[in-house]
Amino acid sequence: MYEKISEPIDVIASFRNQKMEPVVFKWANHHYHIKRVHLIHSERIGREKFLYFSVSDGANAYRLSFSTETLLWRLEDMAQI
């Protein structure tokens, strides 16, 4: 079951083959190293475009969002695997 978080995070991302993928994110003074990106999708809300990344670190699954307008990252949801 996913738990709603919706908090800002810091992210280190990789840019390969014209794709952006998060590699590490920092939340609540802890670094989470992403082992797998499961799904990437986008959504428009008004003029703002959001990219959503469903990722996991081996212990938990996370849904991260990135705003192409504000360039801010958020941890949207989290679930134990």
PDB file of N, CA and C in Angstrom:
ATOM      1  N   MET A   1       0.838  -1.184   0.000  1.00  0.00           N
ATOM      2  CA  MET A   1       0.000   0.000   0.000  1.00  0.00           C
ATOM      3  C   MET A   1       0.884   1.249   0.000  1.00  0.00           C
ATOM      4  N   TYR A   2       0.583   2.157  -0.896  1.00  0.00           N
ATOM      5  CA  TYR A   2       1.357   3.392  -0.984  1.00  0.00           C
ATOM      6  C   TYR A   2       0.923   4.387   0.081  1.00  0.00           C
ATOM      7  N   GLU A   3       1.910   5.082   0.638  1.00  0.00           N
ATOM      8  CA  GLU A   3       1.675   6.139   1.620  1.00  0.00           C
ATOM      9  C   GLU A   3       1.968   7.474   0.949  1.00  0.00           C
ATOM     10  N   LYS A   4       1.030   8.411   1.021  1.00  0.00           N
ATOM     11  CA  LYS A   4       1.197   9.725   0.408  1.00  0.00           C
ATOM     12  C   LYS A   4       2.209  10.524   1.225  1.00  0.00           C
ATOM     13  N   ILE A   5       3.229  11.076   0.562  1.00  0.00           N
ATOM     14  CA  ILE A   5       4.268  11.868   1.220  1.00  0.00           C
ATOM     15  C   ILE A   5       4.168  13.331   0.782  1.00  0.00           C
ATOM     16  N   SER A   6       4.291  13.583  -0.508  1.00  0.00           N
ATOM     17  CA  SER A   6       4.187  14.910  -1.125  1.00  0.00           C
ATOM     18  C   SER A   6       5.080  15.960  -0.451  1.00  0.00           C
ATOM     19  N   GLU A   7       6.394  15.660  -0.421  1.00  0.00           N
ATOM     20  CA  GLU A   7       7.372  16.580   0.163  1.00  0.00           C
ATOM     21  C   GLU A   7       8.492  16.853  -0.830  1.00  0.00           C
ATOM     22  N   PRO A   8       9.088  18.054  -0.761  1.00  0.00           N
ATOM     23  CA  PRO A   8      10.202  18.363  -1.662  1.00  0.00           C
ATOM     24  C   PRO A   8      11.426  17.517  -1.333  1.00  0.00           C
ATOM     25  N   ILE A   9      12.191  17.182  -2.376  1.00  0.00           N
ATOM     26  CA  ILE A   9      13.413  16.402  -2.217  1.00  0.00           C
ATOM     27  C   ILE A   9      14.507  16.989  -3.103  1.00  0.00           C
ATOM     28  N   ASP A  10      15.753  16.624  -2.802  1.00  0.00           N
ATOM     29  CA  ASP A  10      16.889  16.934  -3.665  1.00  0.00           C
ATOM     30  C   ASP A  10      17.219  15.679  -4.449  1.00  0.00           C
ATOM     31  N   VAL A  11      17.565  15.841  -5.729  1.00  0.00           N
ATOM     32  CA  VAL A  11      17.792  14.686  -6.605  1.00  0.00           C
ATOM     33  C   VAL A  11      19.067  14.882  -7.414  1.00  0.00           C
ATOM     34  N   ILE A  12      19.817  13.798  -7.547  1.00  0.00           N
ATOM     35  CA  ILE A  12      20.903  13.726  -8.524  1.00  0.00           C
ATOM     36  C   ILE A  12      20.361  12.873  -9.661  1.00  0.00           C
ATOM     37  N   ALA A  13      20.405  13.424 -10.875  1.00  0.00           N
ATOM     38  CA  ALA A  13      19.838  12.729 -12.031  1.00  0.00           C
ATOM     39  C   ALA A  13      20.906  12.488 -13.085  1.00  0.00           C
ATOM     40  N   SER A  14      20.672  11.474 -13.892  1.00  0.00           N
ATOM     41  CA  SER A  14      21.542  11.119 -15.002  1.00  0.00           C
ATOM     42  C   SER A  14      20.831  11.470 -16.304  1.00  0.00           C
ATOM     43  N   PHE A  15      21.597  11.946 -17.268  1.00  0.00           N
ATOM     44  CA  PHE A  15      21.059  12.252 -18.592  1.00  0.00           C
ATOM     45  C   PHE A  15      21.778  11.365 -19.600  1.00  0.00           C
ATOM     46  N   ARG A  16      21.068  10.332 -20.115  1.00  0.00           N
ATOM     47  CA  ARG A  16      21.642   9.399 -21.078  1.00  0.00           C
ATOM     48  C   ARG A  16      20.636   9.142 -22.182  1.00  0.00           C
ATOM     49  N   ASN A  17      21.128   9.038 -23.392  1.00  0.00           N
ATOM     50  CA  ASN A  17      20.278   8.717 -24.549  1.00  0.00           C
ATOM     51  C   ASN A  17      19.032   9.604 -24.603  1.00  0.00           C
ATOM     52  N   GLN A  18      19.212  10.876 -24.377  1.00  0.00           N
ATOM     53  CA  GLN A  18      18.138  11.877 -24.408  1.00  0.00           C
ATOM     54  C   GLN A  18      17.048  11.599 -23.387  1.00  0.00           C
ATOM     55  N   LYS A  19      17.403  10.940 -22.258  1.00  0.00           N
ATOM     56  CA  LYS A  19      16.467  10.663 -21.171  1.00  0.00           C
ATOM     57  C   LYS A  19      17.059  11.132 -19.855  1.00  0.00           C
ATOM     58  N   MET A  20      16.194  11.602 -18.979  1.00  0.00           N
ATOM     59  CA  MET A  20      16.598  11.959 -17.641  1.00  0.00           C
ATOM     60  C   MET A  20      16.081  10.888 -16.688  1.00  0.00           C
ATOM     61  N   GLU A  21      16.966  10.412 -15.791  1.00  0.00           N
ATOM     62  CA  GLU A  21      16.566   9.427 -14.793  1.00  0.00           C
ATOM     63  C   GLU A  21      17.178   9.791 -13.451  1.00  0.00           C
ATOM     64  N   PRO A  22      16.393   9.754 -12.377  1.00  0.00           N
ATOM     65  CA  PRO A  22      16.957  10.015 -11.052  1.00  0.00           C
ATOM     66  C   PRO A  22      17.882   8.864 -10.634  1.00  0.00           C
ATOM     67  N   VAL A  23      18.964   9.212  -9.931  1.00  0.00           N
ATOM     68  CA  VAL A  23      19.942   8.225  -9.486  1.00  0.00           C
ATOM     69  C   VAL A  23      19.941   8.121  -7.956  1.00  0.00           C
ATOM     70  N   VAL A  24      19.930   9.275  -7.303  1.00  0.00           N
ATOM     71  CA  VAL A  24      19.925   9.365  -5.838  1.00  0.00           C
ATOM     72  C   VAL A  24      18.997  10.500  -5.450  1.00  0.00           C
ATOM     73  N   PHE A  25      18.232  10.307  -4.365  1.00  0.00           N
ATOM     74  CA  PHE A  25      17.477  11.443  -3.835  1.00  0.00           C
ATOM     75  C   PHE A  25      17.673  11.543  -2.326  1.00  0.00           C
ATOM     76  N   LYS A  26      17.566  12.779  -1.838  1.00  0.00           N
ATOM     77  CA  LYS A  26      17.739  13.047  -0.417  1.00  0.00           C
ATOM     78  C   LYS A  26      16.400  13.491   0.152  1.00  0.00           C
ATOM     79  N   TRP A  27      15.978  12.788   1.195  1.00  0.00           N
ATOM     80  CA  TRP A  27      14.723  13.120   1.881  1.00  0.00           C
ATOM     81  C   TRP A  27      14.932  12.892   3.371  1.00  0.00           C
ATOM     82  N   ALA A  28      14.552  13.861   4.172  1.00  0.00           N
ATOM     83  CA  ALA A  28      14.663  13.773   5.639  1.00  0.00           C
ATOM     84  C   ALA A  28      16.088  13.407   6.063  1.00  0.00           C
ATOM     85  N   ASN A  29      17.064  14.106   5.475  1.00  0.00           N
ATOM     86  CA  ASN A  29      18.486  13.908   5.798  1.00  0.00           C
ATOM     87  C   ASN A  29      18.989  12.484   5.556  1.00  0.00           C
ATOM     88  N   HIS A  30      18.373  11.770   4.642  1.00  0.00           N
ATOM     89  CA  HIS A  30      18.821  10.429   4.286  1.00  0.00           C
ATOM     90  C   HIS A  30      18.904  10.328   2.766  1.00  0.00           C
ATOM     91  N   HIS A  31      19.955   9.668   2.274  1.00  0.00           N
ATOM     92  CA  HIS A  31      20.134   9.478   0.835  1.00  0.00           C
ATOM     93  C   HIS A  31      19.597   8.110   0.421  1.00  0.00           C
ATOM     94  N   TYR A  32      18.814   8.094  -0.641  1.00  0.00           N
ATOM     95  CA  TYR A  32      18.223   6.873  -1.183  1.00  0.00           C
ATOM     96  C   TYR A  32      18.812   6.636  -2.575  1.00  0.00           C
ATOM     97  N   HIS A  33      19.520   5.522  -2.743  1.00  0.00           N
ATOM     98  CA  HIS A  33      20.147   5.187  -4.018  1.00  0.00           C
ATOM     99  C   HIS A  33      19.178   4.331  -4.829  1.00  0.00           C
ATOM    100  N   ILE A  34      18.783   4.850  -5.967  1.00  0.00           N
ATOM    101  CA  ILE A  34      17.796   4.183  -6.812  1.00  0.00           C
ATOM    102  C   ILE A  34      18.461   3.037  -7.567  1.00  0.00           C
ATOM    103  N   LYS A  35      17.911   1.848  -7.395  1.00  0.00           N
ATOM    104  CA  LYS A  35      18.441   0.671  -8.078  1.00  0.00           C
ATOM    105  C   LYS A  35      17.729   0.407  -9.401  1.00  0.00           C
ATOM    106  N   ARG A  36      16.453   0.806  -9.473  1.00  0.00           N
ATOM    107  CA  ARG A  36      15.695   0.516 -10.694  1.00  0.00           C
ATOM    108  C   ARG A  36      14.631   1.583 -10.944  1.00  0.00           C
ATOM    109  N   VAL A  37      14.529   1.989 -12.203  1.00  0.00           N
ATOM    110  CA  VAL A  37      13.445   2.865 -12.648  1.00  0.00           C
ATOM    111  C   VAL A  37      12.437   1.965 -13.341  1.00  0.00           C
ATOM    112  N   HIS A  38      11.228   1.885 -12.803  1.00  0.00           N
ATOM    113  CA  HIS A  38      10.217   0.973 -13.325  1.00  0.00           C
ATOM    114  C   HIS A  38       9.354   1.599 -14.416  1.00  0.00           C
ATOM    115  N   LEU A  39       9.035   2.879 -14.238  1.00  0.00           N
ATOM    116  CA  LEU A  39       8.104   3.526 -15.163  1.00  0.00           C
ATOM    117  C   LEU A  39       8.353   5.029 -15.153  1.00  0.00           C
ATOM    118  N   ILE A  40       8.228   5.642 -16.332  1.00  0.00           N
ATOM    119  CA  ILE A  40       8.302   7.105 -16.466  1.00  0.00           C
ATOM    120  C   ILE A  40       7.091   7.528 -17.270  1.00  0.00           C
ATOM    121  N   HIS A  41       6.356   8.515 -16.763  1.00  0.00           N
ATOM    122  CA  HIS A  41       5.255   9.067 -17.547  1.00  0.00           C
ATOM    123  C   HIS A  41       5.133  10.559 -17.253  1.00  0.00           C
ATOM    124  N   SER A  42       4.385  11.258 -18.086  1.00  0.00           N
ATOM    125  CA  SER A  42       4.238  12.704 -17.928  1.00  0.00           C
ATOM    126  C   SER A  42       2.763  13.089 -17.874  1.00  0.00           C
ATOM    127  N   GLU A  43       2.548  14.312 -17.360  1.00  0.00           N
ATOM    128  CA  GLU A  43       1.196  14.841 -17.236  1.00  0.00           C
ATOM    129  C   GLU A  43       1.280  16.363 -17.326  1.00  0.00           C
ATOM    130  N   ARG A  44       0.316  16.955 -17.994  1.00  0.00           N
ATOM    131  CA  ARG A  44       0.229  18.419 -18.048  1.00  0.00           C
ATOM    132  C   ARG A  44      -0.885  18.887 -17.126  1.00  0.00           C
ATOM    133  N   ILE A  45      -0.554  19.899 -16.338  1.00  0.00           N
ATOM    134  CA  ILE A  45      -1.549  20.589 -15.513  1.00  0.00           C
ATOM    135  C   ILE A  45      -1.420  22.063 -15.880  1.00  0.00           C
ATOM    136  N   GLY A  46      -2.369  22.547 -16.700  1.00  0.00           N
ATOM    137  CA  GLY A  46      -2.241  23.891 -17.249  1.00  0.00           C
ATOM    138  C   GLY A  46      -1.054  23.930 -18.187  1.00  0.00           C
ATOM    139  N   ARG A  47      -0.188  24.917 -18.008  1.00  0.00           N
ATOM    140  CA  ARG A  47       1.002  25.005 -18.862  1.00  0.00           C
ATOM    141  C   ARG A  47       2.181  24.236 -18.287  1.00  0.00           C
ATOM    142  N   GLU A  48       2.022  23.750 -17.071  1.00  0.00           N
ATOM    143  CA  GLU A  48       3.110  23.047 -16.395  1.00  0.00           C
ATOM    144  C   GLU A  48       3.097  21.555 -16.737  1.00  0.00           C
ATOM    145  N   LYS A  49       4.279  21.019 -17.069  1.00  0.00           N
ATOM    146  CA  LYS A  49       4.422  19.600 -17.369  1.00  0.00           C
ATOM    147  C   LYS A  49       5.160  18.932 -16.211  1.00  0.00           C
ATOM    148  N   PHE A  50       4.641  17.803 -15.769  1.00  0.00           N
ATOM    149  CA  PHE A  50       5.264  17.034 -14.702  1.00  0.00           C
ATOM    150  C   PHE A  50       5.718  15.692 -15.259  1.00  0.00           C
ATOM    151  N   LEU A  51       6.905  15.274 -14.859  1.00  0.00           N
ATOM    152  CA  LEU A  51       7.409  13.941 -15.163  1.00  0.00           C
ATOM    153  C   LEU A  51       7.331  13.130 -13.886  1.00  0.00           C
ATOM    154  N   TYR A  52       6.827  11.909 -13.985  1.00  0.00           N
ATOM    155  CA  TYR A  52       6.694  11.029 -12.822  1.00  0.00           C
ATOM    156  C   TYR A  52       7.581   9.808 -13.024  1.00  0.00           C
ATOM    157  N   PHE A  53       8.316   9.451 -11.988  1.00  0.00           N
ATOM    158  CA  PHE A  53       9.234   8.327 -12.021  1.00  0.00           C
ATOM    159  C   PHE A  53       8.852   7.349 -10.924  1.00  0.00           C
ATOM    160  N   SER A  54       8.517   6.128 -11.293  1.00  0.00           N
ATOM    161  CA  SER A  54       8.283   5.059 -10.322  1.00  0.00           C
ATOM    162  C   SER A  54       9.594   4.308 -10.194  1.00  0.00           C
ATOM    163  N   VAL A  55      10.187   4.351  -8.991  1.00  0.00           N
ATOM    164  CA  VAL A  55      11.524   3.816  -8.774  1.00  0.00           C
ATOM    165  C   VAL A  55      11.548   2.948  -7.515  1.00  0.00           C
ATOM    166  N   SER A  56      12.641   2.199  -7.344  1.00  0.00           N
ATOM    167  CA  SER A  56      12.820   1.427  -6.117  1.00  0.00           C
ATOM    168  C   SER A  56      14.296   1.398  -5.736  1.00  0.00           C
ATOM    169  N   ASP A  57      14.531   1.158  -4.449  1.00  0.00           N
ATOM    170  CA  ASP A  57      15.898   1.066  -3.938  1.00  0.00           C
ATOM    171  C   ASP A  57      16.219  -0.323  -3.398  1.00  0.00           C
ATOM    172  N   GLY A  58      15.361  -1.282  -3.663  1.00  0.00           N
ATOM    173  CA  GLY A  58      15.549  -2.638  -3.188  1.00  0.00           C
ATOM    174  C   GLY A  58      14.728  -2.944  -1.944  1.00  0.00           C
ATOM    175  N   ALA A  59      14.423  -1.931  -1.154  1.00  0.00           N
ATOM    176  CA  ALA A  59      13.625  -2.104   0.069  1.00  0.00           C
ATOM    177  C   ALA A  59      12.253  -1.456  -0.044  1.00  0.00           C
ATOM    178  N   ASN A  60      12.187  -0.344  -0.770  1.00  0.00           N
ATOM    179  CA  ASN A  60      10.949   0.419  -0.904  1.00  0.00           C
ATOM    180  C   ASN A  60      10.741   0.867  -2.341  1.00  0.00           C
ATOM    181  N   ALA A  61       9.502   1.180  -2.669  1.00  0.00           N
ATOM    182  CA  ALA A  61       9.145   1.754  -3.968  1.00  0.00           C
ATOM    183  C   ALA A  61       8.723   3.195  -3.739  1.00  0.00           C
ATOM    184  N   TYR A  62       9.047   4.067  -4.695  1.00  0.00           N
ATOM    185  CA  TYR A  62       8.775   5.493  -4.563  1.00  0.00           C
ATOM    186  C   TYR A  62       8.211   6.022  -5.872  1.00  0.00           C
ATOM    187  N   ARG A  63       7.431   7.079  -5.763  1.00  0.00           N
ATOM    188  CA  ARG A  63       6.996   7.820  -6.959  1.00  0.00           C
ATOM    189  C   ARG A  63       7.499   9.244  -6.793  1.00  0.00           C
ATOM    190  N   LEU A  64       8.395   9.654  -7.700  1.00  0.00           N
ATOM    191  CA  LEU A  64       8.981  10.984  -7.681  1.00  0.00           C
ATOM    192  C   LEU A  64       8.358  11.808  -8.791  1.00  0.00           C
ATOM    193  N   SER A  65       8.223  13.108  -8.552  1.00  0.00           N
ATOM    194  CA  SER A  65       7.736  13.993  -9.612  1.00  0.00           C
ATOM    195  C   SER A  65       8.738  15.114  -9.840  1.00  0.00           C
ATOM    196  N   PHE A  66       8.785  15.573 -11.093  1.00  0.00           N
ATOM    197  CA  PHE A  66       9.658  16.670 -11.493  1.00  0.00           C
ATOM    198  C   PHE A  66       8.846  17.663 -12.310  1.00  0.00           C
ATOM    199  N   SER A  67       8.860  18.930 -11.900  1.00  0.00           N
ATOM    200  CA  SER A  67       8.160  19.984 -12.630  1.00  0.00           C
ATOM    201  C   SER A  67       9.116  20.610 -13.633  1.00  0.00           C
ATOM    202  N   THR A  68       8.765  20.580 -14.915  1.00  0.00           N
ATOM    203  CA  THR A  68       9.610  21.192 -15.935  1.00  0.00           C
ATOM    204  C   THR A  68       9.510  22.711 -15.909  1.00  0.00           C
ATOM    205  N   GLU A  69       8.512  23.243 -15.235  1.00  0.00           N
ATOM    206  CA  GLU A  69       8.328  24.702 -15.122  1.00  0.00           C
ATOM    207  C   GLU A  69       9.185  25.266 -13.989  1.00  0.00           C
ATOM    208  N   THR A  70       9.112  24.647 -12.805  1.00  0.00           N
ATOM    209  CA  THR A  70       9.827  25.168 -11.630  1.00  0.00           C
ATOM    210  C   THR A  70      11.147  24.450 -11.373  1.00  0.00           C
ATOM    211  N   LEU A  71      11.360  23.304 -12.038  1.00  0.00           N
ATOM    212  CA  LEU A  71      12.547  22.457 -11.883  1.00  0.00           C
ATOM    213  C   LEU A  71      12.667  21.898 -10.466  1.00  0.00           C
ATOM    214  N   LEU A  72      11.532  21.694  -9.807  1.00  0.00           N
ATOM    215  CA  LEU A  72      11.517  21.152  -8.456  1.00  0.00           C
ATOM    216  C   LEU A  72      11.096  19.689  -8.463  1.00  0.00           C
ATOM    217  N   TRP A  73      11.716  18.924  -7.569  1.00  0.00           N
ATOM    218  CA  TRP A  73      11.409  17.508  -7.371  1.00  0.00           C
ATOM    219  C   TRP A  73      10.583  17.326  -6.118  1.00  0.00           C
ATOM    220  N   ARG A  74       9.708  16.305  -6.119  1.00  0.00           N
ATOM    221  CA  ARG A  74       8.915  15.948  -4.948  1.00  0.00           C
ATOM    222  C   ARG A  74       8.853  14.434  -4.815  1.00  0.00           C
ATOM    223  N   LEU A  75       8.856  13.979  -3.576  1.00  0.00           N
ATOM    224  CA  LEU A  75       8.552  12.582  -3.275  1.00  0.00           C
ATOM    225  C   LEU A  75       7.047  12.525  -3.076  1.00  0.00           C
ATOM    226  N   GLU A  76       6.346  11.903  -4.003  1.00  0.00           N
ATOM    227  CA  GLU A  76       4.885  11.874  -3.954  1.00  0.00           C
ATOM    228  C   GLU A  76       4.369  10.741  -3.062  1.00  0.00           C
ATOM    229  N   ASP A  77       4.867   9.516  -3.301  1.00  0.00           N
ATOM    230  CA  ASP A  77       4.364   8.341  -2.584  1.00  0.00           C
ATOM    231  C   ASP A  77       5.521   7.407  -2.273  1.00  0.00           C
ATOM    232  N   MET A  78       5.271   6.529  -1.283  1.00  0.00           N
ATOM    233  CA  MET A  78       6.279   5.538  -0.879  1.00  0.00           C
ATOM    234  C   MET A  78       5.555   4.278  -0.420  1.00  0.00           C
ATOM    235  N   ALA A  79       6.137   3.100  -0.714  1.00  0.00           N
ATOM    236  CA  ALA A  79       5.564   1.814  -0.285  1.00  0.00           C
ATOM    237  C   ALA A  79       6.679   0.832   0.000  1.00  0.00           C
ATOM    238  N   GLN A  80       6.451  -0.029   0.966  1.00  0.00           N
ATOM    239  CA  GLN A  80       7.408  -1.106   1.232  1.00  0.00           C
ATOM    240  C   GLN A  80       7.212  -2.200   0.197  1.00  0.00           C
ATOM    241  N   ILE A  81       8.302  -2.784  -0.234  1.00  0.00           N
ATOM    242  CA  ILE A  81       8.254  -3.857  -1.231  1.00  0.00           C
ATOM    243  C   ILE A  81       8.003  -5.177  -0.516  1.00  0.00           C
TER     244      ILE A  81
END
